């Protein structure tokens, strides 16, 4: 698992490669509690993150960042059908297939990072006992 210093450094590096997408402005402002920004600001400047962590702990689950991400994935893939996507590809006007491919590769990298973070947390908090469940 990464230390706070590594996480904040990674976050700063990733902020510089944000790709402007339709939901980005909303995600960074209206739908993200300011406590997260407080946390990253403190972490990047070397200040204590304790107060921000307390505020993050108090956020209701329906307002959490992770809930928004999981709900978005559910909405996006609830009716997933690769055959229907293939039928659309030749007829896309505003989003060319090459751009769609690059966009999906970018989202795949993000998804892998999220999965790794959850895996690390689960392994740390719920270590395998080696027995059968």
Protein backbone atom coordinates (compact mmCIF):
# COMPACT_ATOMS: atom_id res chain seq x y z
CA UNK A 1 0.00 0.00 0.00
CA UNK A 2 1.26 3.48 -0.81
CA UNK A 3 2.21 5.95 1.86
CA UNK A 4 0.36 9.28 2.00
CA UNK A 5 3.33 11.02 0.43
CA UNK A 6 3.30 8.64 -2.52
CA UNK A 7 -0.45 8.96 -2.94
CA UNK A 8 -0.38 12.76 -2.92
CA UNK A 9 2.54 12.85 -5.37
CA UNK A 10 0.73 10.44 -7.67
CA UNK A 11 -2.43 12.55 -7.44
CA UNK A 12 -0.57 15.73 -8.38
CA UNK A 13 1.05 14.01 -11.34
CA UNK A 14 -2.32 12.65 -12.49
CA UNK A 15 -4.03 16.03 -12.13
CA UNK A 16 -1.72 17.34 -14.83
CA UNK A 17 -2.95 14.74 -17.31
CA UNK A 18 -6.68 15.26 -16.80
CA UNK A 19 -8.48 14.94 -20.07
CA UNK A 20 -11.39 17.35 -20.44
CA UNK A 21 -14.53 15.25 -20.61
CA UNK A 22 -18.16 16.33 -20.30
CA UNK A 23 -18.49 15.27 -16.65
CA UNK A 24 -15.13 16.48 -15.38
CA UNK A 25 -16.08 19.99 -14.27
CA UNK A 26 -19.13 18.70 -12.43
CA UNK A 27 -17.14 15.87 -10.85
CA UNK A 28 -14.46 18.22 -9.55
CA UNK A 29 -16.80 20.87 -8.22
CA UNK A 30 -20.47 20.19 -7.61
CA UNK A 31 -20.31 16.46 -6.95
CA UNK A 32 -17.09 16.24 -4.91
CA UNK A 33 -17.11 17.26 -1.26
CA UNK A 34 -14.55 19.95 -0.48
CA UNK A 35 -13.06 17.73 2.24
CA UNK A 36 -11.33 15.67 -0.45
CA UNK A 37 -9.70 18.79 -1.90
CA UNK A 38 -8.69 19.86 1.63
CA UNK A 39 -7.05 16.46 2.13
CA UNK A 40 -5.02 16.60 -1.10
CA UNK A 41 -4.04 20.24 -0.54
CA UNK A 42 -2.76 19.41 2.94
CA UNK A 43 -1.00 16.23 1.80
CA UNK A 44 0.73 17.98 -1.11
CA UNK A 45 1.94 20.81 1.10
CA UNK A 46 3.18 18.48 3.85
CA UNK A 47 0.58 19.63 6.38
CA UNK A 48 -1.46 17.31 8.56
CA UNK A 49 -4.42 15.66 6.86
CA UNK A 50 -6.13 14.68 10.13
CA UNK A 51 -8.88 17.33 10.06
CA UNK A 52 -9.72 16.61 6.43
CA UNK A 53 -9.79 12.87 7.19
CA UNK A 54 -12.30 13.51 10.00
CA UNK A 55 -14.51 15.49 7.61
CA UNK A 56 -14.21 12.78 4.96
CA UNK A 57 -15.27 10.15 7.51
CA UNK A 58 -18.43 12.17 8.19
CA UNK A 59 -19.55 12.35 4.55
CA UNK A 60 -22.73 10.34 3.98
CA UNK A 61 -22.27 7.34 1.71
CA UNK A 62 -24.51 8.76 -1.01
CA UNK A 63 -22.22 11.82 -1.27
CA UNK A 64 -18.94 9.91 -1.40
CA UNK A 65 -16.60 9.92 -4.37
CA UNK A 66 -16.48 6.13 -4.52
CA UNK A 67 -20.28 5.89 -4.54
CA UNK A 68 -20.41 8.25 -7.54
CA UNK A 69 -17.82 6.15 -9.39
CA UNK A 70 -19.55 2.85 -8.61
CA UNK A 71 -22.99 4.23 -9.54
CA UNK A 72 -21.56 5.55 -12.81
CA UNK A 73 -20.08 2.16 -13.65
CA UNK A 74 -23.38 0.51 -12.87
CA UNK A 75 -25.24 2.93 -15.13
CA UNK A 76 -22.69 2.56 -17.90
CA UNK A 77 -22.56 -1.23 -17.91
CA UNK A 78 -26.00 -2.28 -16.64
CA UNK A 79 -27.09 -3.20 -20.16
CA UNK A 80 -23.65 -3.73 -21.73
CA UNK A 81 -23.70 -5.50 -25.08
CA UNK A 82 -20.59 -5.57 -27.24
CA UNK A 83 -22.58 -6.50 -30.38
CA UNK A 84 -24.64 -3.31 -30.09
CA UNK A 85 -21.44 -1.30 -29.60
CA UNK A 86 -20.00 -2.90 -32.77
CA UNK A 87 -23.13 -1.91 -34.68
CA UNK A 88 -22.62 1.72 -33.58
CA UNK A 89 -18.91 2.05 -34.44
CA UNK A 90 -19.24 2.54 -38.23
CA UNK A 91 -21.86 5.24 -37.71
CA UNK A 92 -20.22 7.42 -35.07
CA UNK A 93 -19.91 11.00 -36.35
CA UNK A 94 -18.67 13.08 -33.40
CA UNK A 95 -16.56 10.40 -31.77
CA UNK A 96 -14.35 8.56 -34.23
CA UNK A 97 -13.51 4.89 -33.51
CA UNK A 98 -9.81 5.74 -33.01
CA UNK A 99 -10.70 8.38 -30.42
CA UNK A 100 -13.14 5.99 -28.73
CA UNK A 101 -10.36 3.41 -28.48
CA UNK A 102 -7.96 5.93 -26.89
CA UNK A 103 -10.68 7.09 -24.49
CA UNK A 104 -11.48 3.51 -23.41
CA UNK A 105 -7.77 2.75 -22.92
CA UNK A 106 -7.51 5.81 -20.68
CA UNK A 107 -10.57 4.72 -18.66
CA UNK A 108 -9.17 1.18 -18.44
CA UNK A 109 -5.98 2.53 -16.85
CA UNK A 110 -8.10 4.44 -14.35
CA UNK A 111 -10.24 1.38 -13.63
CA UNK A 112 -7.11 -0.73 -13.03
CA UNK A 113 -5.81 1.87 -10.58
CA UNK A 114 -9.14 1.83 -8.72
CA UNK A 115 -9.18 -1.97 -8.63
CA UNK A 116 -5.61 -2.05 -7.30
CA UNK A 117 -6.47 0.46 -4.57
CA UNK A 118 -9.49 -1.61 -3.49
CA UNK A 119 -7.46 -4.84 -3.67
CA UNK A 120 -4.71 -3.31 -1.50
CA UNK A 121 -7.26 -2.14 1.06
CA UNK A 122 -9.07 -5.49 1.17
CA UNK A 123 -5.81 -7.42 1.51
CA UNK A 124 -4.67 -5.10 4.31
CA UNK A 125 -7.97 -4.94 6.20
CA UNK A 126 -9.28 -8.45 5.50
CA UNK A 127 -6.24 -10.72 5.18
CA UNK A 128 -6.86 -14.20 3.86
CA UNK A 129 -6.79 -16.75 6.66
CA UNK A 130 -5.63 -19.56 4.44
CA UNK A 131 -8.59 -21.70 5.40
CA UNK A 132 -11.79 -22.44 3.58
CA UNK A 133 -14.73 -20.11 3.93
